[in-house]
Amino acid sequence: MNFDLAEALQVLERTPSVLHWQLADLSEAWTRHNEGPDTWSPFDVVGHLIDGEERDWMVRARIILDQDPDRQFEPFDRFRHLRVNRGKTLDELLERFAHLRERNLKELKALRLTRDQLQLTGQHPELGAVTLEQLLATWVAHDLGHLAQIARVMARRYRDAVGPWEAYLPVLHR
């Protein structure tokens, strides 16, 4: 399937609302629960999404669009949020994420990207040459993956409680 920016924006615009609807006003038993050592809670996932808004998607898009001779992306610290969000509330994170996403999408829309611009490349530190189109498609898939992760982590909290119905709930085993 070909990438379509208008369709991508439909998902990217909704993610903050989906997160708010899914997580706001829940107890920490739901939002701070994870799947064990070295896994993320819903709180952690929202922090990670904030880092993406601040240090990944539009930062890398600008590098690609500038087409400077050095189009190397800075490595992304996938665990930074675990340090910087200590002492913050989930409501603070949800609000910050919504604000950053709104700002980034406003900037993205203002670019009025052409098909040719979507094919421009930057250099990912591990993957090599990547196009702007691939970066934007990844942004959408990344959002959807983390929304699914949050639902899975929350569902697994009741893995034992569902008793024999566990056999009918694949979310508890993925």
N, C-alpha and C. Protein backbone atom coordinates (compact mmCIF):
# COMPACT_ATOMS: atom_id res chain seq x y z
N MET A 1 0.84 -1.19 0.00
CA MET A 1 0.00 0.00 0.00
C MET A 1 0.88 1.24 0.00
N ASN A 2 0.51 2.20 -0.78
CA ASN A 2 1.24 3.45 -0.84
C ASN A 2 0.93 4.32 0.36
N PHE A 3 1.91 5.06 0.79
CA PHE A 3 1.74 5.99 1.90
C PHE A 3 0.86 7.15 1.46
N ASP A 4 -0.04 7.56 2.33
CA ASP A 4 -0.90 8.70 2.07
C ASP A 4 -0.84 9.61 3.30
N LEU A 5 -0.28 10.80 3.15
CA LEU A 5 -0.10 11.69 4.29
C LEU A 5 -1.43 12.07 4.93
N ALA A 6 -2.44 12.31 4.14
CA ALA A 6 -3.75 12.68 4.72
C ALA A 6 -4.28 11.56 5.61
N GLU A 7 -4.13 10.33 5.16
CA GLU A 7 -4.55 9.19 5.99
C GLU A 7 -3.68 9.04 7.22
N ALA A 8 -2.40 9.27 7.07
CA ALA A 8 -1.49 9.19 8.21
C ALA A 8 -1.87 10.21 9.27
N LEU A 9 -2.21 11.40 8.83
CA LEU A 9 -2.61 12.45 9.77
C LEU A 9 -3.86 12.07 10.56
N GLN A 10 -4.75 11.31 9.95
CA GLN A 10 -5.96 10.89 10.66
C GLN A 10 -5.59 10.12 11.93
N VAL A 11 -4.60 9.28 11.86
CA VAL A 11 -4.16 8.51 13.03
C VAL A 11 -3.36 9.40 13.97
N LEU A 12 -2.39 10.12 13.43
CA LEU A 12 -1.52 10.93 14.28
C LEU A 12 -2.30 11.98 15.06
N GLU A 13 -3.34 12.53 14.47
CA GLU A 13 -4.15 13.52 15.16
C GLU A 13 -4.97 12.92 16.30
N ARG A 14 -5.34 11.67 16.18
CA ARG A 14 -6.21 11.04 17.17
C ARG A 14 -5.46 10.43 18.36
N THR A 15 -4.20 10.15 18.21
CA THR A 15 -3.48 9.45 19.27
C THR A 15 -3.59 10.14 20.63
N PRO A 16 -3.41 11.46 20.73
CA PRO A 16 -3.54 12.08 22.06
C PRO A 16 -4.91 11.87 22.69
N SER A 17 -5.96 11.96 21.88
CA SER A 17 -7.32 11.75 22.41
C SER A 17 -7.54 10.30 22.83
N VAL A 18 -7.02 9.38 22.04
CA VAL A 18 -7.15 7.96 22.39
C VAL A 18 -6.45 7.69 23.72
N LEU A 19 -5.24 8.22 23.88
CA LEU A 19 -4.51 8.03 25.14
C LEU A 19 -5.25 8.66 26.31
N HIS A 20 -5.77 9.85 26.10
CA HIS A 20 -6.51 10.51 27.19
C HIS A 20 -7.73 9.68 27.56
N TRP A 21 -8.48 9.27 26.56
CA TRP A 21 -9.69 8.47 26.81
C TRP A 21 -9.33 7.16 27.51
N GLN A 22 -8.25 6.53 27.11
CA GLN A 22 -7.86 5.23 27.64
C GLN A 22 -7.26 5.31 29.04
N LEU A 23 -6.57 6.42 29.37
CA LEU A 23 -5.76 6.43 30.59
C LEU A 23 -6.12 7.49 31.63
N ALA A 24 -6.69 8.60 31.23
CA ALA A 24 -6.93 9.69 32.18
C ALA A 24 -7.84 9.23 33.32
N ASP A 25 -7.48 9.62 34.50
CA ASP A 25 -8.27 9.36 35.70
C ASP A 25 -8.30 7.89 36.13
N LEU A 26 -7.45 7.07 35.57
CA LEU A 26 -7.34 5.69 36.05
C LEU A 26 -6.38 5.66 37.24
N SER A 27 -6.56 4.67 38.07
CA SER A 27 -5.66 4.50 39.21
C SER A 27 -4.27 4.11 38.73
N GLU A 28 -3.29 4.33 39.60
CA GLU A 28 -1.92 3.93 39.26
C GLU A 28 -1.81 2.42 39.12
N ALA A 29 -2.72 1.68 39.73
CA ALA A 29 -2.71 0.22 39.55
C ALA A 29 -2.81 -0.13 38.06
N TRP A 30 -3.57 0.67 37.31
CA TRP A 30 -3.68 0.46 35.87
C TRP A 30 -2.52 1.10 35.11
N THR A 31 -2.15 2.31 35.49
CA THR A 31 -1.23 3.08 34.65
C THR A 31 0.24 2.87 34.96
N ARG A 32 0.56 2.32 36.12
CA ARG A 32 1.97 2.08 36.47
C ARG A 32 2.33 0.60 36.45
N HIS A 33 1.36 -0.25 36.14
CA HIS A 33 1.58 -1.69 36.06
C HIS A 33 2.34 -2.00 34.76
N ASN A 34 3.31 -2.92 34.85
CA ASN A 34 4.02 -3.34 33.65
C ASN A 34 4.03 -4.87 33.59
N GLU A 35 4.75 -5.42 32.65
CA GLU A 35 4.76 -6.87 32.44
C GLU A 35 5.96 -7.56 33.09
N GLY A 36 6.68 -6.84 33.91
CA GLY A 36 7.83 -7.42 34.58
C GLY A 36 9.07 -6.58 34.35
N PRO A 37 10.22 -7.10 34.77
CA PRO A 37 11.47 -6.34 34.63
C PRO A 37 11.72 -5.93 33.18
N ASP A 38 12.23 -4.71 33.03
CA ASP A 38 12.60 -4.18 31.71
C ASP A 38 11.42 -4.06 30.74
N THR A 39 10.22 -3.87 31.28
CA THR A 39 9.06 -3.61 30.44
C THR A 39 8.45 -2.27 30.84
N TRP A 40 7.57 -1.78 30.02
CA TRP A 40 7.01 -0.45 30.24
C TRP A 40 5.56 -0.51 30.66
N SER A 41 5.22 0.38 31.58
CA SER A 41 3.83 0.60 31.97
C SER A 41 3.20 1.58 30.98
N PRO A 42 1.86 1.74 31.02
CA PRO A 42 1.24 2.78 30.20
C PRO A 42 1.86 4.17 30.46
N PHE A 43 2.16 4.49 31.70
CA PHE A 43 2.82 5.75 32.05
C PHE A 43 4.14 5.88 31.29
N ASP A 44 4.92 4.82 31.29
CA ASP A 44 6.21 4.82 30.60
C ASP A 44 6.05 5.01 29.09
N VAL A 45 5.04 4.37 28.53
CA VAL A 45 4.80 4.49 27.08
C VAL A 45 4.49 5.93 26.72
N VAL A 46 3.65 6.59 27.51
CA VAL A 46 3.33 8.00 27.22
C VAL A 46 4.60 8.84 27.29
N GLY A 47 5.45 8.59 28.27
CA GLY A 47 6.73 9.30 28.36
C GLY A 47 7.59 9.08 27.13
N HIS A 48 7.62 7.86 26.65
CA HIS A 48 8.38 7.53 25.44
C HIS A 48 7.81 8.27 24.22
N LEU A 49 6.50 8.34 24.12
CA LEU A 49 5.87 9.06 23.02
C LEU A 49 6.23 10.54 23.05
N ILE A 50 6.32 11.11 24.25
CA ILE A 50 6.73 12.51 24.40
C ILE A 50 8.16 12.68 23.86
N ASP A 51 9.04 11.78 24.22
CA ASP A 51 10.41 11.87 23.71
C ASP A 51 10.43 11.85 22.19
N GLY A 52 9.58 11.04 21.58
CA GLY A 52 9.49 11.02 20.13
C GLY A 52 9.07 12.36 19.55
N GLU A 53 8.13 13.00 20.22
CA GLU A 53 7.67 14.32 19.77
C GLU A 53 8.77 15.36 19.90
N GLU A 54 9.56 15.26 20.95
CA GLU A 54 10.60 16.25 21.22
C GLU A 54 11.88 15.99 20.43
N ARG A 55 12.23 14.72 20.21
CA ARG A 55 13.57 14.40 19.74
C ARG A 55 13.66 13.51 18.51
N ASP A 56 12.51 13.13 17.95
CA ASP A 56 12.58 12.18 16.85
C ASP A 56 11.87 12.67 15.60
N TRP A 57 10.59 12.52 15.51
CA TRP A 57 9.86 12.62 14.25
C TRP A 57 10.12 13.91 13.48
N MET A 58 9.78 15.05 14.05
CA MET A 58 9.95 16.30 13.30
C MET A 58 11.40 16.75 13.25
N VAL A 59 12.17 16.39 14.26
CA VAL A 59 13.61 16.70 14.22
C VAL A 59 14.23 16.01 13.00
N ARG A 60 13.91 14.76 12.82
CA ARG A 60 14.47 14.00 11.70
C ARG A 60 13.87 14.46 10.37
N ALA A 61 12.59 14.80 10.38
CA ALA A 61 11.97 15.32 9.15
C ALA A 61 12.68 16.59 8.70
N ARG A 62 13.01 17.47 9.63
CA ARG A 62 13.72 18.71 9.29
C ARG A 62 15.11 18.41 8.72
N ILE A 63 15.79 17.43 9.31
CA ILE A 63 17.12 17.05 8.80
C ILE A 63 17.00 16.59 7.35
N ILE A 64 16.00 15.77 7.07
CA ILE A 64 15.80 15.29 5.70
C ILE A 64 15.49 16.45 4.77
N LEU A 65 14.57 17.30 5.16
CA LEU A 65 14.13 18.39 4.28
C LEU A 65 15.21 19.45 4.06
N ASP A 66 16.06 19.66 5.05
CA ASP A 66 17.15 20.64 4.89
C ASP A 66 18.15 20.20 3.84
N GLN A 67 18.32 18.89 3.66
CA GLN A 67 19.23 18.33 2.66
C GLN A 67 20.65 18.88 2.78
N ASP A 68 21.08 19.12 4.02
CA ASP A 68 22.47 19.48 4.25
C ASP A 68 23.34 18.29 3.86
N PRO A 69 24.63 18.52 3.61
CA PRO A 69 25.52 17.39 3.28
C PRO A 69 25.52 16.30 4.35
N ASP A 70 25.47 16.70 5.62
CA ASP A 70 25.42 15.72 6.71
C ASP A 70 23.98 15.56 7.16
N ARG A 71 23.36 14.50 6.69
CA ARG A 71 21.95 14.24 7.05
C ARG A 71 21.83 13.11 8.05
N GLN A 72 22.85 12.94 8.86
CA GLN A 72 22.89 11.86 9.86
C GLN A 72 21.97 12.21 11.02
N PHE A 73 21.09 11.28 11.38
CA PHE A 73 20.22 11.46 12.55
C PHE A 73 21.02 11.17 13.81
N GLU A 74 20.73 11.91 14.86
CA GLU A 74 21.28 11.59 16.17
C GLU A 74 20.64 10.29 16.64
N PRO A 75 21.38 9.43 17.32
CA PRO A 75 20.75 8.24 17.89
C PRO A 75 19.64 8.64 18.86
N PHE A 76 18.57 7.89 18.89
CA PHE A 76 17.42 8.16 19.74
C PHE A 76 17.54 7.31 21.00
N ASP A 77 17.52 7.95 22.15
CA ASP A 77 17.60 7.25 23.43
C ASP A 77 16.20 6.75 23.78
N ARG A 78 15.94 5.49 23.52
CA ARG A 78 14.61 4.91 23.74
C ARG A 78 14.25 4.78 25.22
N PHE A 79 15.18 5.06 26.11
CA PHE A 79 14.92 4.89 27.54
C PHE A 79 15.04 6.19 28.33
N ARG A 80 15.28 7.29 27.66
CA ARG A 80 15.45 8.59 28.32
C ARG A 80 14.26 8.92 29.21
N HIS A 81 13.07 8.63 28.73
CA HIS A 81 11.84 8.98 29.46
C HIS A 81 11.79 8.36 30.86
N LEU A 82 12.45 7.24 31.04
CA LEU A 82 12.44 6.59 32.36
C LEU A 82 13.14 7.45 33.40
N ARG A 83 14.10 8.27 32.95
CA ARG A 83 14.81 9.18 33.86
C ARG A 83 14.09 10.50 34.02
N VAL A 84 13.65 11.09 32.93
CA VAL A 84 13.16 12.46 32.98
C VAL A 84 11.74 12.59 33.51
N ASN A 85 10.99 11.50 33.58
CA ASN A 85 9.60 11.61 34.02
C ASN A 85 9.38 11.22 35.47
N ARG A 86 10.45 10.94 36.18
CA ARG A 86 10.31 10.64 37.61
C ARG A 86 9.65 11.81 38.32
N GLY A 87 8.66 11.54 39.14
CA GLY A 87 7.98 12.58 39.90
C GLY A 87 6.86 13.28 39.17
N LYS A 88 6.64 12.96 37.91
CA LYS A 88 5.56 13.59 37.15
C LYS A 88 4.31 12.73 37.24
N THR A 89 3.18 13.34 36.98
CA THR A 89 1.92 12.61 36.97
C THR A 89 1.55 12.22 35.54
N LEU A 90 0.70 11.23 35.42
CA LEU A 90 0.24 10.84 34.09
C LEU A 90 -0.54 11.98 33.44
N ASP A 91 -1.33 12.70 34.21
CA ASP A 91 -2.06 13.83 33.63
C ASP A 91 -1.10 14.86 33.03
N GLU A 92 0.02 15.12 33.70
CA GLU A 92 1.02 16.04 33.15
C GLU A 92 1.57 15.51 31.83
N LEU A 93 1.84 14.21 31.80
CA LEU A 93 2.39 13.62 30.57
C LEU A 93 1.38 13.66 29.44
N LEU A 94 0.14 13.32 29.72
CA LEU A 94 -0.89 13.33 28.68
C LEU A 94 -1.07 14.74 28.11
N GLU A 95 -1.06 15.73 28.98
CA GLU A 95 -1.20 17.12 28.53
C GLU A 95 0.00 17.54 27.68
N ARG A 96 1.18 17.19 28.14
CA ARG A 96 2.40 17.55 27.39
C ARG A 96 2.42 16.87 26.02
N PHE A 97 2.06 15.60 26.00
CA PHE A 97 2.04 14.88 24.73
C PHE A 97 1.05 15.53 23.76
N ALA A 98 -0.14 15.85 24.23
CA ALA A 98 -1.15 16.46 23.36
C ALA A 98 -0.64 17.80 22.80
N HIS A 99 -0.01 18.60 23.65
CA HIS A 99 0.52 19.89 23.21
C HIS A 99 1.61 19.70 22.15
N LEU A 100 2.56 18.82 22.42
CA LEU A 100 3.66 18.59 21.48
C LEU A 100 3.17 18.03 20.16
N ARG A 101 2.23 17.09 20.23
CA ARG A 101 1.71 16.50 18.99
C ARG A 101 0.99 17.55 18.17
N GLU A 102 0.18 18.37 18.81
CA GLU A 102 -0.52 19.43 18.08
C GLU A 102 0.47 20.36 17.39
N ARG A 103 1.52 20.75 18.10
CA ARG A 103 2.54 21.63 17.54
C ARG A 103 3.24 20.97 16.35
N ASN A 104 3.62 19.70 16.51
CA ASN A 104 4.34 19.01 15.44
C ASN A 104 3.47 18.81 14.20
N LEU A 105 2.21 18.48 14.40
CA LEU A 105 1.34 18.27 13.24
C LEU A 105 1.02 19.58 12.53
N LYS A 106 0.94 20.65 13.29
CA LYS A 106 0.75 21.97 12.67
C LYS A 106 1.94 22.29 11.77
N GLU A 107 3.14 22.02 12.28
CA GLU A 107 4.35 22.24 11.48
C GLU A 107 4.37 21.32 10.25
N LEU A 108 4.04 20.06 10.45
CA LEU A 108 4.05 19.10 9.34
C LEU A 108 3.07 19.53 8.24
N LYS A 109 1.87 19.91 8.62
CA LYS A 109 0.88 20.34 7.63
C LYS A 109 1.34 21.59 6.89
N ALA A 110 1.98 22.51 7.60
CA ALA A 110 2.44 23.76 6.99
C ALA A 110 3.50 23.50 5.91
N LEU A 111 4.18 22.38 5.97
CA LEU A 111 5.21 22.06 4.98
C LEU A 111 4.63 21.79 3.60
N ARG A 112 3.37 21.37 3.54
CA ARG A 112 2.72 21.06 2.26
C ARG A 112 3.64 20.19 1.40
N LEU A 113 3.97 19.04 1.94
CA LEU A 113 4.95 18.16 1.32
C LEU A 113 4.51 17.66 -0.05
N THR A 114 5.47 17.61 -0.95
CA THR A 114 5.23 17.07 -2.29
C THR A 114 5.68 15.61 -2.32
N ARG A 115 5.29 14.92 -3.36
CA ARG A 115 5.70 13.52 -3.55
C ARG A 115 7.23 13.45 -3.63
N ASP A 116 7.85 14.41 -4.30
CA ASP A 116 9.32 14.42 -4.40
C ASP A 116 9.96 14.61 -3.03
N GLN A 117 9.42 15.50 -2.22
CA GLN A 117 9.98 15.71 -0.87
C GLN A 117 9.87 14.45 -0.03
N LEU A 118 8.80 13.70 -0.19
CA LEU A 118 8.62 12.47 0.59
C LEU A 118 9.68 11.43 0.25
N GLN A 119 10.33 11.58 -0.90
CA GLN A 119 11.37 10.63 -1.31
C GLN A 119 12.78 11.08 -0.92
N LEU A 120 12.91 12.26 -0.34
CA LEU A 120 14.22 12.71 0.14
C LEU A 120 14.68 11.81 1.27
N THR A 121 16.00 11.72 1.45
CA THR A 121 16.54 10.79 2.44
C THR A 121 17.38 11.47 3.52
N GLY A 122 17.45 10.78 4.63
CA GLY A 122 18.36 11.08 5.72
C GLY A 122 19.06 9.79 6.10
N GLN A 123 20.02 9.89 7.01
CA GLN A 123 20.80 8.73 7.41
C GLN A 123 20.48 8.32 8.85
N HIS A 124 19.83 7.19 8.99
CA HIS A 124 19.55 6.63 10.31
C HIS A 124 20.83 5.95 10.81
N PRO A 125 21.16 6.10 12.11
CA PRO A 125 22.43 5.54 12.61
C PRO A 125 22.53 4.02 12.51
N GLU A 126 21.41 3.32 12.45
CA GLU A 126 21.45 1.86 12.35
C GLU A 126 20.92 1.35 11.02
N LEU A 127 19.95 2.03 10.44
CA LEU A 127 19.26 1.53 9.26
C LEU A 127 19.81 2.06 7.95
N GLY A 128 20.64 3.09 8.02
CA GLY A 128 21.17 3.69 6.79
C GLY A 128 20.18 4.68 6.20
N ALA A 129 20.17 4.76 4.86
CA ALA A 129 19.32 5.73 4.17
C ALA A 129 17.85 5.39 4.36
N VAL A 130 17.07 6.40 4.78
CA VAL A 130 15.62 6.26 4.92
C VAL A 130 14.97 7.49 4.31
N THR A 131 13.79 7.29 3.74
CA THR A 131 13.08 8.41 3.12
C THR A 131 12.18 9.10 4.16
N LEU A 132 11.80 10.31 3.83
CA LEU A 132 10.84 11.04 4.67
C LEU A 132 9.53 10.27 4.73
N GLU A 133 9.11 9.71 3.61
CA GLU A 133 7.89 8.91 3.58
C GLU A 133 7.98 7.74 4.58
N GLN A 134 9.11 7.05 4.60
CA GLN A 134 9.29 5.94 5.54
C GLN A 134 9.25 6.43 6.98
N LEU A 135 9.88 7.58 7.24
CA LEU A 135 9.86 8.14 8.58
C LEU A 135 8.43 8.45 9.02
N LEU A 136 7.64 9.06 8.17
CA LEU A 136 6.27 9.43 8.53
C LEU A 136 5.38 8.20 8.67
N ALA A 137 5.57 7.21 7.81
CA ALA A 137 4.81 5.96 7.94
C ALA A 137 5.17 5.26 9.25
N THR A 138 6.44 5.32 9.62
CA THR A 138 6.89 4.71 10.88
C THR A 138 6.27 5.43 12.07
N TRP A 139 6.12 6.73 11.99
CA TRP A 139 5.49 7.51 13.06
C TRP A 139 4.08 6.97 13.33
N VAL A 140 3.33 6.71 12.27
CA VAL A 140 1.97 6.18 12.41
C VAL A 140 2.00 4.77 13.02
N ALA A 141 2.82 3.90 12.45
CA ALA A 141 2.90 2.52 12.94
C ALA A 141 3.40 2.50 14.39
N HIS A 142 4.31 3.39 14.73
CA HIS A 142 4.83 3.50 16.09
C HIS A 142 3.70 3.86 17.06
N ASP A 143 2.89 4.85 16.71
CA ASP A 143 1.74 5.20 17.55
C ASP A 143 0.84 4.00 17.75
N LEU A 144 0.47 3.35 16.66
CA LEU A 144 -0.46 2.22 16.75
C LEU A 144 0.13 1.07 17.56
N GLY A 145 1.41 0.82 17.39
CA GLY A 145 2.07 -0.23 18.16
C GLY A 145 2.02 0.05 19.65
N HIS A 146 2.26 1.30 20.02
CA HIS A 146 2.24 1.62 21.45
C HIS A 146 0.83 1.67 22.02
N LEU A 147 -0.16 2.04 21.21
CA LEU A 147 -1.55 1.94 21.68
C LEU A 147 -1.91 0.48 21.95
N ALA A 148 -1.49 -0.40 21.06
CA ALA A 148 -1.72 -1.83 21.26
C ALA A 148 -0.96 -2.34 22.49
N GLN A 149 0.26 -1.86 22.67
CA GLN A 149 1.05 -2.26 23.84
C GLN A 149 0.35 -1.87 25.13
N ILE A 150 -0.17 -0.67 25.20
CA ILE A 150 -0.87 -0.22 26.40
C ILE A 150 -2.07 -1.12 26.68
N ALA A 151 -2.85 -1.42 25.66
CA ALA A 151 -4.01 -2.29 25.85
C ALA A 151 -3.57 -3.68 26.32
N ARG A 152 -2.51 -4.20 25.75
CA ARG A 152 -2.02 -5.53 26.14
C ARG A 152 -1.55 -5.55 27.59
N VAL A 153 -0.77 -4.54 27.98
CA VAL A 153 -0.27 -4.47 29.36
C VAL A 153 -1.43 -4.40 30.34
N MET A 154 -2.41 -3.59 30.00
CA MET A 154 -3.57 -3.46 30.88
C MET A 154 -4.36 -4.76 30.95
N ALA A 155 -4.57 -5.41 29.83
CA ALA A 155 -5.31 -6.67 29.81
C ALA A 155 -4.59 -7.76 30.61
N ARG A 156 -3.29 -7.81 30.49
CA ARG A 156 -2.53 -8.85 31.20
C ARG A 156 -2.59 -8.70 32.71
N ARG A 157 -2.97 -7.54 33.17
CA ARG A 157 -3.12 -7.35 34.61
C ARG A 157 -4.19 -8.31 35.16
N TYR A 158 -5.14 -8.68 34.32
CA TYR A 158 -6.23 -9.59 34.74
C TYR A 158 -6.06 -11.00 34.17
N ARG A 159 -4.86 -11.32 33.74
CA ARG A 159 -4.63 -12.64 33.13
C ARG A 159 -5.09 -13.79 34.02
N ASP A 160 -4.72 -13.76 35.29
CA ASP A 160 -5.14 -14.84 36.19
C ASP A 160 -6.60 -14.71 36.57
N ALA A 161 -7.10 -13.50 36.66
CA ALA A 161 -8.46 -13.27 37.14
C ALA A 161 -9.52 -13.77 36.17
N VAL A 162 -9.21 -13.88 34.89
CA VAL A 162 -10.23 -14.29 33.92
C VAL A 162 -10.50 -15.79 33.96
N GLY A 163 -9.67 -16.52 34.68
CA GLY A 163 -9.88 -17.97 34.81
C GLY A 163 -9.84 -18.67 33.47
N PRO A 164 -10.79 -19.58 33.22
CA PRO A 164 -10.75 -20.40 32.00
C PRO A 164 -10.95 -19.60 30.72
N TRP A 165 -11.47 -18.36 30.79
CA TRP A 165 -11.64 -17.55 29.58
C TRP A 165 -10.31 -17.13 28.99
N GLU A 166 -9.23 -17.32 29.72
CA GLU A 166 -7.91 -16.97 29.21
C GLU A 166 -7.68 -17.60 27.83
N ALA A 167 -8.19 -18.80 27.62
CA ALA A 167 -8.00 -19.49 26.35
C ALA A 167 -8.62 -18.72 25.18
N TYR A 168 -9.59 -17.86 25.44
CA TYR A 168 -10.27 -17.10 24.39
C TYR A 168 -9.77 -15.67 24.26
N LEU A 169 -8.73 -15.33 24.99
CA LEU A 169 -8.23 -13.96 25.00
C LEU A 169 -6.79 -13.89 24.52
N PRO A 170 -6.58 -13.86 23.21
CA PRO A 170 -5.20 -13.85 22.70
C PRO A 170 -4.36 -12.67 23.17
N VAL A 171 -4.99 -11.56 23.54
CA VAL A 171 -4.23 -10.41 24.02
C VAL A 171 -3.42 -10.76 25.25
N LEU A 172 -3.82 -11.78 25.98
CA LEU A 172 -3.11 -12.18 27.19
C LEU A 172 -1.85 -12.98 26.91
N HIS A 173 -1.65 -13.36 25.64
CA HIS A 173 -0.53 -14.24 25.29
C HIS A 173 0.41 -13.64 24.27
N ARG A 174 0.20 -12.43 23.82
CA ARG A 174 1.06 -11.83 22.79
C ARG A 174 2.06 -10.91 23.42
